[in-house]
Amino acid sequence: MPELMMDKSGFLIDAEGNQVLIQDEPIKVSGVQTQDQIDRVIEERLARQKEKIKTLEAQANKTPDLEKMIEDLKKERDKMEADLAAAQQAAEAEVASQLSNTAKRAEIAERALADERVARIRDQVTNQILQKSGDRFINPAKDVVPDLLTVHKREPVADSAGRPIPGRFIDLFDIAYKNEKGEETHELMPVDKALDALAAREDYQHYVRAAATGGSGGGNYTAFTGNLRRSQMSAAEKAEFVSRHGLEAFQQLKD
């Protein structure tokens, strides 16, 4: 934590004299006197006491009573000096305590803001997945959304020079699939292709709505006639094929 101080008005300032702000508000330490105020009061009393001692010591006749008075005044002076040191320590401890509490409140506020930002992103991505899922899956909110959220990555959109464009981003999903050699690999895909890839995976077939796979129930896919082989198709081509012709047609392809 950077070193902080308190100005004469009780506001926290940094080493350069600038007020410390939390959520655009200056922080004022209340309930304590500034070090200058404490020093001024005690030092004024101390100065008066020293002046009394000086006056008495200047007198030529130092009777026993006068010497005792001087000794008592010196003891009182020593006590005042000790009180000044104790007051300085107490003021420093109070300021340190309030600074610590202020830092904790700032940390809690920042954490809450970060949590709220994450929640908003999750809501946005969830709505995007549900909109793109349509009626392809039986229960996308339960079966698809949680899996895609765990592999979600929000990447900034870059300009022609490769610099991130403020406020522009793209949502991608790290999807596992088997390539043409049967090896499992991963690829970052936008939501459309991620859903196509999931719909083509064998472990997701019980989540896919039956009407979406073609057959007597109808569907949204076009018929396919051709000589494609599944072993010769990439993951993206398999996903595109399922999107166009349906899972049943894909399963009927030769390996």
Protein backbone atom coordinates (compact mmCIF):
# COMPACT_ATOMS: atom_id res chain seq x y z
CA MET A 1 0.00 0.00 0.00
CA PRO A 2 1.47 3.46 -0.86
CA GLU A 3 2.34 5.70 2.11
CA LEU A 4 -0.59 7.97 3.04
CA MET A 5 -0.74 11.05 5.25
CA MET A 6 -3.41 13.31 6.70
CA ASP A 7 -3.53 17.01 5.82
CA LYS A 8 -4.51 19.83 8.21
CA SER A 9 -8.20 19.41 7.34
CA GLY A 10 -8.18 15.67 8.14
CA PHE A 11 -8.23 14.41 4.51
CA LEU A 12 -5.98 11.55 3.40
CA ILE A 13 -3.28 12.56 0.90
CA ASP A 14 -0.57 10.63 -0.93
CA ALA A 15 3.14 11.40 -0.96
CA GLU A 16 2.61 14.07 -3.64
CA GLY A 17 -0.07 15.89 -1.65
CA ASN A 18 -3.02 14.68 -3.75
CA GLN A 19 -6.22 13.68 -1.97
CA VAL A 20 -6.93 9.91 -1.89
CA LEU A 21 -10.23 9.13 -3.60
CA ILE A 22 -12.46 6.07 -3.31
CA GLN A 23 -15.29 6.01 -5.86
CA ASP A 24 -14.45 9.68 -6.67
CA GLU A 25 -14.94 10.76 -3.01
CA PRO A 26 -12.13 12.14 -0.78
CA ILE A 27 -11.52 10.19 2.45
CA LYS A 28 -11.60 12.20 5.69
CA VAL A 29 -10.24 10.71 8.92
CA SER A 30 -12.67 11.64 11.69
CA GLY A 31 -12.47 11.52 15.46
CA VAL A 32 -8.75 12.34 15.71
CA GLN A 33 -6.73 15.51 15.83
CA THR A 34 -4.03 16.12 13.29
CA GLN A 35 -0.46 15.75 14.41
CA ASP A 36 0.05 19.51 14.04
CA GLN A 37 -2.88 20.20 16.39
CA ILE A 38 -1.61 17.77 19.03
CA ASP A 39 1.95 19.06 18.78
CA ARG A 40 0.87 22.69 18.99
CA VAL A 41 -1.20 22.28 22.18
CA ILE A 42 1.37 20.24 24.08
CA GLU A 43 4.33 22.29 22.86
CA GLU A 44 2.62 25.52 24.00
CA ARG A 45 2.12 24.06 27.48
CA LEU A 46 5.68 22.79 27.48
CA ALA A 47 7.01 26.19 26.47
CA ARG A 48 5.16 27.91 29.33
CA GLN A 49 6.49 25.34 31.78
CA LYS A 50 10.04 25.82 30.59
CA GLU A 51 9.68 29.58 30.92
CA LYS A 52 8.58 29.20 34.57
CA ILE A 53 11.59 27.01 35.29
CA LYS A 54 13.91 29.46 33.58
CA THR A 55 12.51 32.37 35.61
CA LEU A 56 12.84 30.56 38.92
CA GLU A 57 16.35 29.29 38.17
CA ALA A 58 17.42 32.84 37.38
CA GLN A 59 16.72 33.95 40.92
CA ALA A 60 19.84 34.14 43.03
CA ASN A 61 18.31 32.93 46.30
CA LYS A 62 17.54 29.28 45.89
CA THR A 63 15.84 28.42 49.12
CA PRO A 64 14.94 24.76 49.79
CA ASP A 65 11.30 25.54 49.05
CA LEU A 66 12.24 27.16 45.75
CA GLU A 67 14.50 24.27 44.82
CA LYS A 68 11.70 21.83 45.58
CA MET A 69 9.34 23.90 43.44
CA ILE A 70 11.85 23.80 40.60
CA GLU A 71 12.26 20.03 40.98
CA ASP A 72 8.48 19.52 40.93
CA LEU A 73 8.22 21.68 37.82
CA LYS A 74 10.94 19.64 36.13
CA LYS A 75 9.09 16.42 36.93
CA GLU A 76 5.92 17.92 35.49
CA ARG A 77 7.88 18.94 32.39
CA ASP A 78 9.20 15.40 31.98
CA LYS A 79 5.65 14.05 32.28
CA MET A 80 4.46 16.50 29.62
CA GLU A 81 7.22 15.38 27.30
CA ALA A 82 6.22 11.75 27.88
CA ASP A 83 2.56 12.68 27.27
CA LEU A 84 3.56 14.35 24.00
CA ALA A 85 5.34 11.20 22.81
CA ALA A 86 2.37 9.02 23.85
CA ALA A 87 -0.09 11.34 22.10
CA GLN A 88 1.97 11.17 18.92
CA GLN A 89 1.96 7.37 19.03
CA ALA A 90 -1.80 7.25 19.71
CA ALA A 91 -2.51 9.61 16.81
CA GLU A 92 -0.36 7.55 14.47
CA ALA A 93 -2.09 4.33 15.58
CA GLU A 94 -5.57 5.84 15.04
CA VAL A 95 -4.68 7.11 11.58
CA ALA A 96 -3.17 3.72 10.67
CA SER A 97 -6.36 1.97 11.86
CA GLN A 98 -8.62 4.24 9.80
CA LEU A 99 -6.35 3.84 6.77
CA SER A 100 -6.54 0.06 7.12
CA ASN A 101 -10.34 0.14 7.37
CA THR A 102 -10.55 2.44 4.35
CA ALA A 103 -8.32 0.12 2.32
CA LYS A 104 -10.48 -2.88 3.28
CA ARG A 105 -13.67 -1.06 2.22
CA ALA A 106 -12.06 -0.16 -1.10
CA GLU A 107 -10.98 -3.79 -1.64
CA ILE A 108 -14.50 -5.05 -0.88
CA ALA A 109 -16.03 -2.49 -3.26
CA GLU A 110 -13.61 -3.47 -6.04
CA ARG A 111 -14.29 -7.18 -5.48
CA ALA A 112 -18.06 -6.60 -5.60
CA LEU A 113 -17.68 -4.60 -8.82
CA ALA A 114 -15.59 -7.37 -10.39
CA ASP A 115 -18.13 -10.03 -9.34
CA GLU A 116 -20.97 -7.97 -10.81
CA ARG A 117 -19.04 -7.55 -14.08
CA VAL A 118 -18.47 -11.34 -14.30
CA ALA A 119 -22.16 -12.00 -13.60
CA ARG A 120 -23.23 -9.59 -16.36
CA ILE A 121 -20.88 -11.31 -18.85
CA ARG A 122 -22.24 -14.75 -17.89
CA ASP A 123 -25.81 -13.49 -18.39
CA GLN A 124 -24.92 -12.05 -21.80
CA VAL A 125 -23.20 -15.24 -22.94
CA THR A 126 -26.03 -17.42 -21.59
CA ASN A 127 -28.63 -15.43 -23.54
CA GLN A 128 -26.46 -15.66 -26.66
CA ILE A 129 -26.17 -19.46 -26.34
CA LEU A 130 -29.91 -19.90 -25.78
CA GLN A 131 -30.80 -17.68 -28.74
CA LYS A 132 -28.45 -19.55 -31.06
CA SER A 133 -29.51 -22.99 -29.77
CA GLY A 134 -33.07 -22.54 -30.99
CA ASP A 135 -34.97 -25.81 -30.71
CA ARG A 136 -32.01 -28.02 -31.60
CA PHE A 137 -31.46 -29.29 -28.04
CA ILE A 138 -33.98 -30.73 -25.60
CA ASN A 139 -32.96 -28.53 -22.66
CA PRO A 140 -30.13 -26.20 -23.69
CA ALA A 141 -30.26 -24.18 -20.46
CA LYS A 142 -29.42 -27.31 -18.45
CA ASP A 143 -27.42 -29.45 -20.89
CA VAL A 144 -25.54 -26.97 -23.08
CA VAL A 145 -25.16 -23.61 -21.32
CA PRO A 146 -23.19 -24.88 -18.27
CA ASP A 147 -20.70 -26.77 -20.45
CA LEU A 148 -20.12 -23.83 -22.79
CA LEU A 149 -19.73 -21.36 -19.93
CA THR A 150 -16.86 -23.42 -18.50
CA VAL A 151 -14.91 -23.14 -21.80
CA HIS A 152 -15.91 -19.54 -22.61
CA LYS A 153 -13.22 -16.99 -23.46
CA ARG A 154 -13.92 -13.32 -24.25
CA GLU A 155 -11.27 -11.99 -26.62
CA PRO A 156 -10.82 -8.31 -27.60
CA VAL A 157 -11.36 -7.37 -31.25
CA ALA A 158 -8.17 -5.89 -32.74
CA ASP A 159 -7.84 -3.18 -35.39
CA SER A 160 -5.70 -3.50 -38.51
CA ALA A 161 -2.60 -2.66 -36.45
CA GLY A 162 -3.32 -5.39 -33.94
CA ARG A 163 -4.41 -3.01 -31.17
CA PRO A 164 -7.51 -3.90 -29.11
CA ILE A 165 -10.56 -1.80 -29.98
CA PRO A 166 -12.11 -0.40 -26.77
CA GLY A 167 -15.52 -1.93 -26.04
CA ARG A 168 -15.25 -4.50 -28.89
CA PHE A 169 -14.89 -8.20 -28.16
CA ILE A 170 -15.84 -11.65 -29.43
CA ASP A 171 -17.06 -14.61 -27.40
CA LEU A 172 -15.27 -17.89 -28.19
CA PHE A 173 -15.55 -21.41 -26.79
CA ASP A 174 -12.73 -23.95 -26.45
CA ILE A 175 -14.41 -27.06 -27.91
CA ALA A 176 -12.91 -30.56 -27.84
CA TYR A 177 -13.48 -32.79 -30.88
CA LYS A 178 -11.79 -35.61 -32.78
CA ASN A 179 -9.93 -34.74 -35.96
CA GLU A 180 -9.83 -36.83 -39.11
CA LYS A 181 -7.18 -39.08 -37.51
CA GLY A 182 -9.43 -39.78 -34.54
CA GLU A 183 -7.21 -37.70 -32.24
CA GLU A 184 -8.86 -35.41 -29.71
CA THR A 185 -8.03 -31.77 -30.24
CA HIS A 186 -9.35 -28.35 -29.20
CA GLU A 187 -10.39 -25.31 -31.19
CA LEU A 188 -11.70 -21.87 -30.23
CA MET A 189 -15.05 -21.42 -32.01
CA PRO A 190 -17.78 -18.78 -32.09
CA VAL A 191 -21.10 -19.81 -30.57
CA ASP A 192 -22.68 -20.99 -33.87
CA LYS A 193 -19.87 -23.40 -34.71
CA ALA A 194 -19.50 -24.46 -31.06
CA LEU A 195 -23.15 -25.55 -31.01
CA ASP A 196 -22.72 -27.36 -34.34
CA ALA A 197 -19.67 -29.18 -32.96
CA LEU A 198 -21.52 -30.25 -29.81
CA ALA A 199 -24.51 -31.46 -31.82
CA ALA A 200 -22.15 -33.65 -33.88
CA ARG A 201 -20.44 -35.26 -30.87
CA GLU A 202 -21.58 -38.74 -29.88
CA ASP A 203 -21.68 -37.87 -26.17
CA TYR A 204 -24.24 -35.12 -26.88
CA GLN A 205 -26.74 -37.13 -28.91
CA HIS A 206 -29.06 -37.69 -25.94
CA TYR A 207 -29.28 -33.89 -25.57
CA VAL A 208 -30.26 -33.30 -29.21
CA ARG A 209 -33.97 -32.97 -29.94
CA ALA A 210 -35.20 -35.89 -32.05
CA ALA A 211 -36.97 -33.64 -34.56
CA ALA A 212 -33.66 -32.00 -35.36
CA THR A 213 -32.09 -35.23 -36.61
CA GLY A 214 -34.36 -35.69 -39.62
CA GLY A 215 -36.54 -38.78 -40.29
CA SER A 216 -40.31 -39.03 -40.07
CA GLY A 217 -40.51 -36.26 -37.49
CA GLY A 218 -39.32 -33.71 -39.99
CA GLY A 219 -36.57 -31.21 -39.31
CA ASN A 220 -34.72 -28.12 -40.43
CA TYR A 221 -32.05 -29.90 -42.46
CA THR A 222 -31.76 -30.45 -46.19
CA ALA A 223 -31.42 -33.90 -47.73
CA PHE A 224 -27.97 -35.03 -48.76
CA THR A 225 -26.76 -37.23 -51.55
CA GLY A 226 -23.05 -37.70 -52.14
CA ASN A 227 -19.94 -39.78 -51.49
CA LEU A 228 -18.41 -37.98 -48.52
CA ARG A 229 -16.67 -40.05 -45.87
CA ARG A 230 -16.60 -39.09 -42.22
CA SER A 231 -12.92 -40.01 -41.92
CA GLN A 232 -12.09 -37.46 -44.64
CA MET A 233 -13.96 -34.55 -43.00
CA SER A 234 -12.51 -32.03 -40.56
CA ALA A 235 -14.34 -31.18 -37.34
CA ALA A 236 -15.61 -27.94 -38.86
CA GLU A 237 -16.86 -29.81 -41.94
CA LYS A 238 -18.61 -32.39 -39.74
CA ALA A 239 -20.32 -29.63 -37.78
CA GLU A 240 -21.35 -27.88 -40.98
CA PHE A 241 -22.67 -31.15 -42.41
CA VAL A 242 -24.80 -31.83 -39.32
CA SER A 243 -26.07 -28.25 -39.41
CA ARG A 244 -27.13 -28.61 -43.05
CA HIS A 245 -28.32 -32.22 -43.32
CA GLY A 246 -28.95 -33.50 -39.80
CA LEU A 247 -27.33 -36.03 -37.53
CA GLU A 248 -29.03 -39.05 -39.10
CA ALA A 249 -27.56 -38.22 -42.51
CA PHE A 250 -24.14 -37.75 -40.89
CA GLN A 251 -24.32 -41.12 -39.17
CA GLN A 252 -25.21 -42.79 -42.46
CA LEU A 253 -21.96 -41.59 -44.07
CA LYS A 254 -19.27 -44.17 -44.57
CA ASP A 255 -16.13 -44.03 -42.48
